[in-house]
Structure formats: structure tokens, C-alpha cells
Amino acid sequence: MAQAVLAKTVLRLVFEKGMDEKGKPVFKAKTFTNVKKDATTDQLHQAAQALASLCNDPLNSIERNDSNEIIG
């Protein structure tokens, strides 16, 4: 039977950079690799808030992207 094994976790912060000429928001993302695979949602949220406080642009969203390896 095949199994999914967590291979890596990536934290992605999306910032609002401003507005375009049509008045729609422009976003810019910053990706952090080498995140501990066993980090909890609360830990990642705290880390993202701390990192966002060092930036000039407002934080729009926080994303966790897990990659799994399928072994069989």
C-alpha cells in the first residue's frame, strides 16, 4: 500500500504592494523554505506576524504549502 511522507514545508507571505492603474490591488509574495515540518499552525502564524512586522507593506495572507512524497 502506498504512503504519503511529508517531504518539505514552505511558508508563503503575501503582501499588498498597492493599487494598479485600474484600482485593483497588487500583491507580492515572499517564500520561506526550510520550515520545520512539524511546525504547528499557531507557530507559523506567530512567525509570519513577526516577519510581517519588519516589512513596510501590509500582510494580506499567510500560506503553508506542504509537499509529500508518495512511496509504495
PDB file of N, CA and C in Angstrom:
ATOM      1  N   MET A   1       0.840  -1.183   0.000  1.00  0.00           N
ATOM      2  CA  MET A   1       0.000   0.000   0.000  1.00  0.00           C
ATOM      3  C   MET A   1       0.883   1.243   0.000  1.00  0.00           C
ATOM      4  N   ALA A   2       0.544   2.213  -0.795  1.00  0.00           N
ATOM      5  CA  ALA A   2       1.324   3.446  -0.906  1.00  0.00           C
ATOM      6  C   ALA A   2       1.103   4.338   0.308  1.00  0.00           C
ATOM      7  N   GLN A   3       2.132   5.107   0.627  1.00  0.00           N
ATOM      8  CA  GLN A   3       2.060   6.052   1.738  1.00  0.00           C
ATOM      9  C   GLN A   3       2.544   7.418   1.272  1.00  0.00           C
ATOM     10  N   ALA A   4       2.010   8.450   1.908  1.00  0.00           N
ATOM     11  CA  ALA A   4       2.476   9.817   1.660  1.00  0.00           C
ATOM     12  C   ALA A   4       3.343  10.229   2.844  1.00  0.00           C
ATOM     13  N   VAL A   5       4.573  10.640   2.544  1.00  0.00           N
ATOM     14  CA  VAL A   5       5.509  11.084   3.570  1.00  0.00           C
ATOM     15  C   VAL A   5       5.796  12.564   3.339  1.00  0.00           C
ATOM     16  N   LEU A   6       5.632  13.356   4.390  1.00  0.00           N
ATOM     17  CA  LEU A   6       5.869  14.798   4.278  1.00  0.00           C
ATOM     18  C   LEU A   6       7.328  15.057   3.917  1.00  0.00           C
ATOM     19  N   ALA A   7       7.565  15.675   2.769  1.00  0.00           N
ATOM     20  CA  ALA A   7       8.921  15.920   2.278  1.00  0.00           C
ATOM     21  C   ALA A   7       9.435  17.301   2.680  1.00  0.00           C
ATOM     22  N   LYS A   8       8.591  18.333   2.538  1.00  0.00           N
ATOM     23  CA  LYS A   8       9.029  19.681   2.929  1.00  0.00           C
ATOM     24  C   LYS A   8       7.824  20.578   3.170  1.00  0.00           C
ATOM     25  N   THR A   9       8.064  21.627   3.936  1.00  0.00           N
ATOM     26  CA  THR A   9       7.054  22.638   4.236  1.00  0.00           C
ATOM     27  C   THR A   9       7.604  23.999   3.844  1.00  0.00           C
ATOM     28  N   VAL A  10       6.770  24.798   3.197  1.00  0.00           N
ATOM     29  CA  VAL A  10       7.146  26.146   2.757  1.00  0.00           C
ATOM     30  C   VAL A  10       6.129  27.133   3.325  1.00  0.00           C
ATOM     31  N   LEU A  11       6.632  28.244   3.848  1.00  0.00           N
ATOM     32  CA  LEU A  11       5.779  29.315   4.354  1.00  0.00           C
ATOM     33  C   LEU A  11       5.793  30.449   3.338  1.00  0.00           C
ATOM     34  N   ARG A  12       4.607  30.901   2.940  1.00  0.00           N
ATOM     35  CA  ARG A  12       4.494  31.964   1.926  1.00  0.00           C
ATOM     36  C   ARG A  12       3.674  33.109   2.510  1.00  0.00           C
ATOM     37  N   LEU A  13       4.272  34.303   2.503  1.00  0.00           N
ATOM     38  CA  LEU A  13       3.596  35.507   2.967  1.00  0.00           C
ATOM     39  C   LEU A  13       3.254  36.356   1.750  1.00  0.00           C
ATOM     40  N   VAL A  14       2.006  36.785   1.671  1.00  0.00           N
ATOM     41  CA  VAL A  14       1.559  37.612   0.548  1.00  0.00           C
ATOM     42  C   VAL A  14       1.279  39.010   1.079  1.00  0.00           C
ATOM     43  N   PHE A  15       1.944  39.999   0.475  1.00  0.00           N
ATOM     44  CA  PHE A  15       1.823  41.391   0.880  1.00  0.00           C
ATOM     45  C   PHE A  15       1.086  42.188  -0.191  1.00  0.00           C
ATOM     46  N   GLU A  16       0.347  43.205   0.234  1.00  0.00           N
ATOM     47  CA  GLU A  16      -0.316  44.111  -0.696  1.00  0.00           C
ATOM     48  C   GLU A  16       0.618  45.279  -0.967  1.00  0.00           C
ATOM     49  N   LYS A  17       1.054  45.409  -2.223  1.00  0.00           N
ATOM     50  CA  LYS A  17       2.027  46.428  -2.614  1.00  0.00           C
ATOM     51  C   LYS A  17       1.383  47.756  -2.989  1.00  0.00           C
ATOM     52  N   GLY A  18       0.089  47.765  -3.234  1.00  0.00           N
ATOM     53  CA  GLY A  18      -0.584  48.993  -3.639  1.00  0.00           C
ATOM     54  C   GLY A  18      -1.673  48.672  -4.637  1.00  0.00           C
ATOM     55  N   MET A  19      -1.977  49.655  -5.473  1.00  0.00           N
ATOM     56  CA  MET A  19      -3.036  49.505  -6.465  1.00  0.00           C
ATOM     57  C   MET A  19      -2.473  49.725  -7.863  1.00  0.00           C
ATOM     58  N   ASP A  20      -3.053  49.027  -8.837  1.00  0.00           N
ATOM     59  CA  ASP A  20      -2.658  49.271 -10.216  1.00  0.00           C
ATOM     60  C   ASP A  20      -3.481  50.424 -10.790  1.00  0.00           C
ATOM     61  N   GLU A  21      -3.313  50.688 -12.072  1.00  0.00           N
ATOM     62  CA  GLU A  21      -3.991  51.824 -12.688  1.00  0.00           C
ATOM     63  C   GLU A  21      -5.508  51.637 -12.774  1.00  0.00           C
ATOM     64  N   LYS A  22      -5.986  50.400 -12.621  1.00  0.00           N
ATOM     65  CA  LYS A  22      -7.423  50.123 -12.647  1.00  0.00           C
ATOM     66  C   LYS A  22      -8.023  50.054 -11.242  1.00  0.00           C
ATOM     67  N   GLY A  23      -7.204  50.313 -10.236  1.00  0.00           N
ATOM     68  CA  GLY A  23      -7.685  50.302  -8.866  1.00  0.00           C
ATOM     69  C   GLY A  23      -7.728  48.927  -8.215  1.00  0.00           C
ATOM     70  N   LYS A  24      -7.122  47.944  -8.869  1.00  0.00           N
ATOM     71  CA  LYS A  24      -7.075  46.596  -8.302  1.00  0.00           C
ATOM     72  C   LYS A  24      -5.797  46.435  -7.482  1.00  0.00           C
ATOM     73  N   PRO A  25      -5.871  45.678  -6.386  1.00  0.00           N
ATOM     74  CA  PRO A  25      -4.679  45.518  -5.552  1.00  0.00           C
ATOM     75  C   PRO A  25      -3.585  44.716  -6.254  1.00  0.00           C
ATOM     76  N   VAL A  26      -2.342  45.099  -5.965  1.00  0.00           N
ATOM     77  CA  VAL A  26      -1.165  44.407  -6.488  1.00  0.00           C
ATOM     78  C   VAL A  26      -0.521  43.674  -5.310  1.00  0.00           C
ATOM     79  N   PHE A  27      -0.232  42.388  -5.508  1.00  0.00           N
ATOM     80  CA  PHE A  27       0.322  41.573  -4.439  1.00  0.00           C
ATOM     81  C   PHE A  27       1.738  41.137  -4.771  1.00  0.00           C
ATOM     82  N   LYS A  28       2.535  40.932  -3.713  1.00  0.00           N
ATOM     83  CA  LYS A  28       3.884  40.408  -3.853  1.00  0.00           C
ATOM     84  C   LYS A  28       4.060  39.349  -2.767  1.00  0.00           C
ATOM     85  N   ALA A  29       4.632  38.217  -3.139  1.00  0.00           N
ATOM     86  CA  ALA A  29       4.795  37.121  -2.183  1.00  0.00           C
ATOM     87  C   ALA A  29       6.262  36.926  -1.830  1.00  0.00           C
ATOM     88  N   LYS A  30       6.483  36.527  -0.597  1.00  0.00           N
ATOM     89  CA  LYS A  30       7.815  36.161  -0.116  1.00  0.00           C
ATOM     90  C   LYS A  30       7.709  34.735   0.409  1.00  0.00           C
ATOM     91  N   THR A  31       8.584  33.861  -0.066  1.00  0.00           N
ATOM     92  CA  THR A  31       8.547  32.450   0.298  1.00  0.00           C
ATOM     93  C   THR A  31       9.727  32.100   1.191  1.00  0.00           C
ATOM     94  N   PHE A  32       9.450  31.362   2.240  1.00  0.00           N
ATOM     95  CA  PHE A  32      10.475  30.906   3.180  1.00  0.00           C
ATOM     96  C   PHE A  32      10.533  29.385   3.136  1.00  0.00           C
ATOM     97  N   THR A  33      11.686  28.850   2.769  1.00  0.00           N
ATOM     98  CA  THR A  33      11.876  27.403   2.715  1.00  0.00           C
ATOM     99  C   THR A  33      12.569  26.937   3.996  1.00  0.00           C
ATOM    100  N   ASN A  34      12.825  25.671   4.101  1.00  0.00           N
ATOM    101  CA  ASN A  34      13.476  25.072   5.273  1.00  0.00           C
ATOM    102  C   ASN A  34      12.677  25.303   6.549  1.00  0.00           C
ATOM    103  N   VAL A  35      11.370  25.297   6.434  1.00  0.00           N
ATOM    104  CA  VAL A  35      10.492  25.423   7.593  1.00  0.00           C
ATOM    105  C   VAL A  35      10.392  24.049   8.244  1.00  0.00           C
ATOM    106  N   LYS A  36      10.402  24.015   9.564  1.00  0.00           N
ATOM    107  CA  LYS A  36      10.265  22.741  10.265  1.00  0.00           C
ATOM    108  C   LYS A  36       8.962  22.069   9.865  1.00  0.00           C
ATOM    109  N   LYS A  37       9.041  20.822   9.480  1.00  0.00           N
ATOM    110  CA  LYS A  37       7.864  20.092   9.010  1.00  0.00           C
ATOM    111  C   LYS A  37       6.823  19.916  10.107  1.00  0.00           C
ATOM    112  N   ASP A  38       7.275  19.865  11.355  1.00  0.00           N
ATOM    113  CA  ASP A  38       6.337  19.641  12.455  1.00  0.00           C
ATOM    114  C   ASP A  38       5.852  20.935  13.105  1.00  0.00           C
ATOM    115  N   ALA A  39       6.111  22.078  12.458  1.00  0.00           N
ATOM    116  CA  ALA A  39       5.640  23.365  12.989  1.00  0.00           C
ATOM    117  C   ALA A  39       4.117  23.397  12.988  1.00  0.00           C
ATOM    118  N   THR A  40       3.549  23.886  14.079  1.00  0.00           N
ATOM    119  CA  THR A  40       2.098  23.972  14.185  1.00  0.00           C
ATOM    120  C   THR A  40       1.589  25.201  13.441  1.00  0.00           C
ATOM    121  N   THR A  41       0.294  25.235  13.238  1.00  0.00           N
ATOM    122  CA  THR A  41      -0.339  26.386  12.585  1.00  0.00           C
ATOM    123  C   THR A  41      -0.121  27.651  13.401  1.00  0.00           C
ATOM    124  N   ASP A  42      -0.256  27.550  14.716  1.00  0.00           N
ATOM    125  CA  ASP A  42      -0.033  28.714  15.576  1.00  0.00           C
ATOM    126  C   ASP A  42       1.405  29.212  15.499  1.00  0.00           C
ATOM    127  N   GLN A  43       2.368  28.296  15.467  1.00  0.00           N
ATOM    128  CA  GLN A  43       3.775  28.689  15.371  1.00  0.00           C
ATOM    129  C   GLN A  43       4.055  29.399  14.052  1.00  0.00           C
ATOM    130  N   LEU A  44       3.512  28.879  12.971  1.00  0.00           N
ATOM    131  CA  LEU A  44       3.718  29.522  11.675  1.00  0.00           C
ATOM    132  C   LEU A  44       3.044  30.887  11.620  1.00  0.00           C
ATOM    133  N   HIS A  45       1.874  30.997  12.229  1.00  0.00           N
ATOM    134  CA  HIS A  45       1.178  32.285  12.264  1.00  0.00           C
ATOM    135  C   HIS A  45       1.992  33.307  13.050  1.00  0.00           C
ATOM    136  N   GLN A  46       2.527  32.921  14.196  1.00  0.00           N
ATOM    137  CA  GLN A  46       3.346  33.827  15.004  1.00  0.00           C
ATOM    138  C   GLN A  46       4.597  34.256  14.244  1.00  0.00           C
ATOM    139  N   ALA A  47       5.244  33.303  13.571  1.00  0.00           N
ATOM    140  CA  ALA A  47       6.448  33.624  12.798  1.00  0.00           C
ATOM    141  C   ALA A  47       6.116  34.581  11.658  1.00  0.00           C
ATOM    142  N   ALA A  48       5.001  34.329  10.983  1.00  0.00           N
ATOM    143  CA  ALA A  48       4.592  35.193   9.866  1.00  0.00           C
ATOM    144  C   ALA A  48       4.277  36.603  10.351  1.00  0.00           C
ATOM    145  N   GLN A  49       3.595  36.720  11.474  1.00  0.00           N
ATOM    146  CA  GLN A  49       3.279  38.041  12.023  1.00  0.00           C
ATOM    147  C   GLN A  49       4.557  38.779  12.414  1.00  0.00           C
ATOM    148  N   ALA A  50       5.516  38.066  12.994  1.00  0.00           N
ATOM    149  CA  ALA A  50       6.787  38.696  13.374  1.00  0.00           C
ATOM    150  C   ALA A  50       7.541  39.174  12.141  1.00  0.00           C
ATOM    151  N   LEU A  51       7.585  38.346  11.101  1.00  0.00           N
ATOM    152  CA  LEU A  51       8.260  38.748   9.864  1.00  0.00           C
ATOM    153  C   LEU A  51       7.541  39.914   9.192  1.00  0.00           C
ATOM    154  N   ALA A  52       6.226  39.886   9.184  1.00  0.00           N
ATOM    155  CA  ALA A  52       5.450  40.952   8.547  1.00  0.00           C
ATOM    156  C   ALA A  52       5.639  42.285   9.257  1.00  0.00           C
ATOM    157  N   SER A  53       5.875  42.238  10.570  1.00  0.00           N
ATOM    158  CA  SER A  53       6.073  43.490  11.306  1.00  0.00           C
ATOM    159  C   SER A  53       7.360  44.197  10.892  1.00  0.00           C
ATOM    160  N   LEU A  54       8.268  43.476  10.241  1.00  0.00           N
ATOM    161  CA  LEU A  54       9.519  44.066   9.771  1.00  0.00           C
ATOM    162  C   LEU A  54       9.403  44.652   8.371  1.00  0.00           C
ATOM    163  N   CYS A  55       8.252  44.461   7.741  1.00  0.00           N
ATOM    164  CA  CYS A  55       8.045  44.907   6.365  1.00  0.00           C
ATOM    165  C   CYS A  55       7.181  46.163   6.325  1.00  0.00           C
ATOM    166  N   ASN A  56       7.334  46.917   5.247  1.00  0.00           N
ATOM    167  CA  ASN A  56       6.565  48.147   5.072  1.00  0.00           C
ATOM    168  C   ASN A  56       5.153  47.906   4.567  1.00  0.00           C
ATOM    169  N   ASP A  57       4.974  46.846   3.773  1.00  0.00           N
ATOM    170  CA  ASP A  57       3.680  46.585   3.149  1.00  0.00           C
ATOM    171  C   ASP A  57       2.790  45.756   4.075  1.00  0.00           C
ATOM    172  N   PRO A  58       1.471  45.962   4.004  1.00  0.00           N
ATOM    173  CA  PRO A  58       0.561  45.190   4.857  1.00  0.00           C
ATOM    174  C   PRO A  58       0.475  43.727   4.415  1.00  0.00           C
ATOM    175  N   LEU A  59       0.419  42.849   5.395  1.00  0.00           N
ATOM    176  CA  LEU A  59       0.296  41.419   5.138  1.00  0.00           C
ATOM    177  C   LEU A  59      -1.130  41.110   4.718  1.00  0.00           C
ATOM    178  N   ASN A  60      -1.270  40.416   3.584  1.00  0.00           N
ATOM    179  CA  ASN A  60      -2.596  40.068   3.074  1.00  0.00           C
ATOM    180  C   ASN A  60      -2.984  38.643   3.446  1.00  0.00           C
ATOM    181  N   SER A  61      -2.046  37.713   3.321  1.00  0.00           N
ATOM    182  CA  SER A  61      -2.365  36.324   3.650  1.00  0.00           C
ATOM    183  C   SER A  61      -1.110  35.540   3.993  1.00  0.00           C
ATOM    184  N   ILE A  62      -1.336  34.431   4.697  1.00  0.00           N
ATOM    185  CA  ILE A  62      -0.272  33.521   5.100  1.00  0.00           C
ATOM    186  C   ILE A  62      -0.642  32.160   4.539  1.00  0.00           C
ATOM    187  N   GLU A  63       0.308  31.510   3.863  1.00  0.00           N
ATOM    188  CA  GLU A  63       0.038  30.210   3.258  1.00  0.00           C
ATOM    189  C   GLU A  63       1.083  29.198   3.699  1.00  0.00           C
ATOM    190  N   ARG A  64       0.626  27.988   3.954  1.00  0.00           N
ATOM    191  CA  ARG A  64       1.528  26.872   4.246  1.00  0.00           C
ATOM    192  C   ARG A  64       1.386  25.884   3.106  1.00  0.00           C
ATOM    193  N   ASN A  65       2.498  25.557   2.469  1.00  0.00           N
ATOM    194  CA  ASN A  65       2.491  24.600   1.372  1.00  0.00           C
ATOM    195  C   ASN A  65       3.334  23.393   1.756  1.00  0.00           C
ATOM    196  N   ASP A  66       2.679  22.256   1.921  1.00  0.00           N
ATOM    197  CA  ASP A  66       3.353  21.008   2.239  1.00  0.00           C
ATOM    198  C   ASP A  66       3.489  20.172   0.979  1.00  0.00           C
ATOM    199  N   SER A  67       4.675  19.582   0.800  1.00  0.00           N
ATOM    200  CA  SER A  67       4.917  18.668  -0.307  1.00  0.00           C
ATOM    201  C   SER A  67       5.107  17.278   0.257  1.00  0.00           C
ATOM    202  N   ASN A  68       4.424  16.324  -0.336  1.00  0.00           N
ATOM    203  CA  ASN A  68       4.510  14.943   0.115  1.00  0.00           C
ATOM    204  C   ASN A  68       5.160  14.079  -0.953  1.00  0.00           C
ATOM    205  N   GLU A  69       5.898  13.088  -0.488  1.00  0.00           N
ATOM    206  CA  GLU A  69       6.478  12.096  -1.376  1.00  0.00           C
ATOM    207  C   GLU A  69       5.648  10.824  -1.246  1.00  0.00           C
ATOM    208  N   ILE A  70       5.254  10.274  -2.370  1.00  0.00           N
ATOM    209  CA  ILE A  70       4.467   9.048  -2.360  1.00  0.00           C
ATOM    210  C   ILE A  70       5.429   7.865  -2.516  1.00  0.00           C
ATOM    211  N   ILE A  71       5.397   6.994  -1.545  1.00  0.00           N
ATOM    212  CA  ILE A  71       6.251   5.808  -1.598  1.00  0.00           C
ATOM    213  C   ILE A  71       5.367   4.568  -1.548  1.00  0.00           C
ATOM    214  N   GLY A  72       5.806   3.535  -2.184  1.00  0.00           N
ATOM    215  CA  GLY A  72       4.952   2.374  -2.222  1.00  0.00           C
ATOM    216  C   GLY A  72       5.732   1.135  -2.091  1.00  0.00           C
TER     217      GLY A  72
END
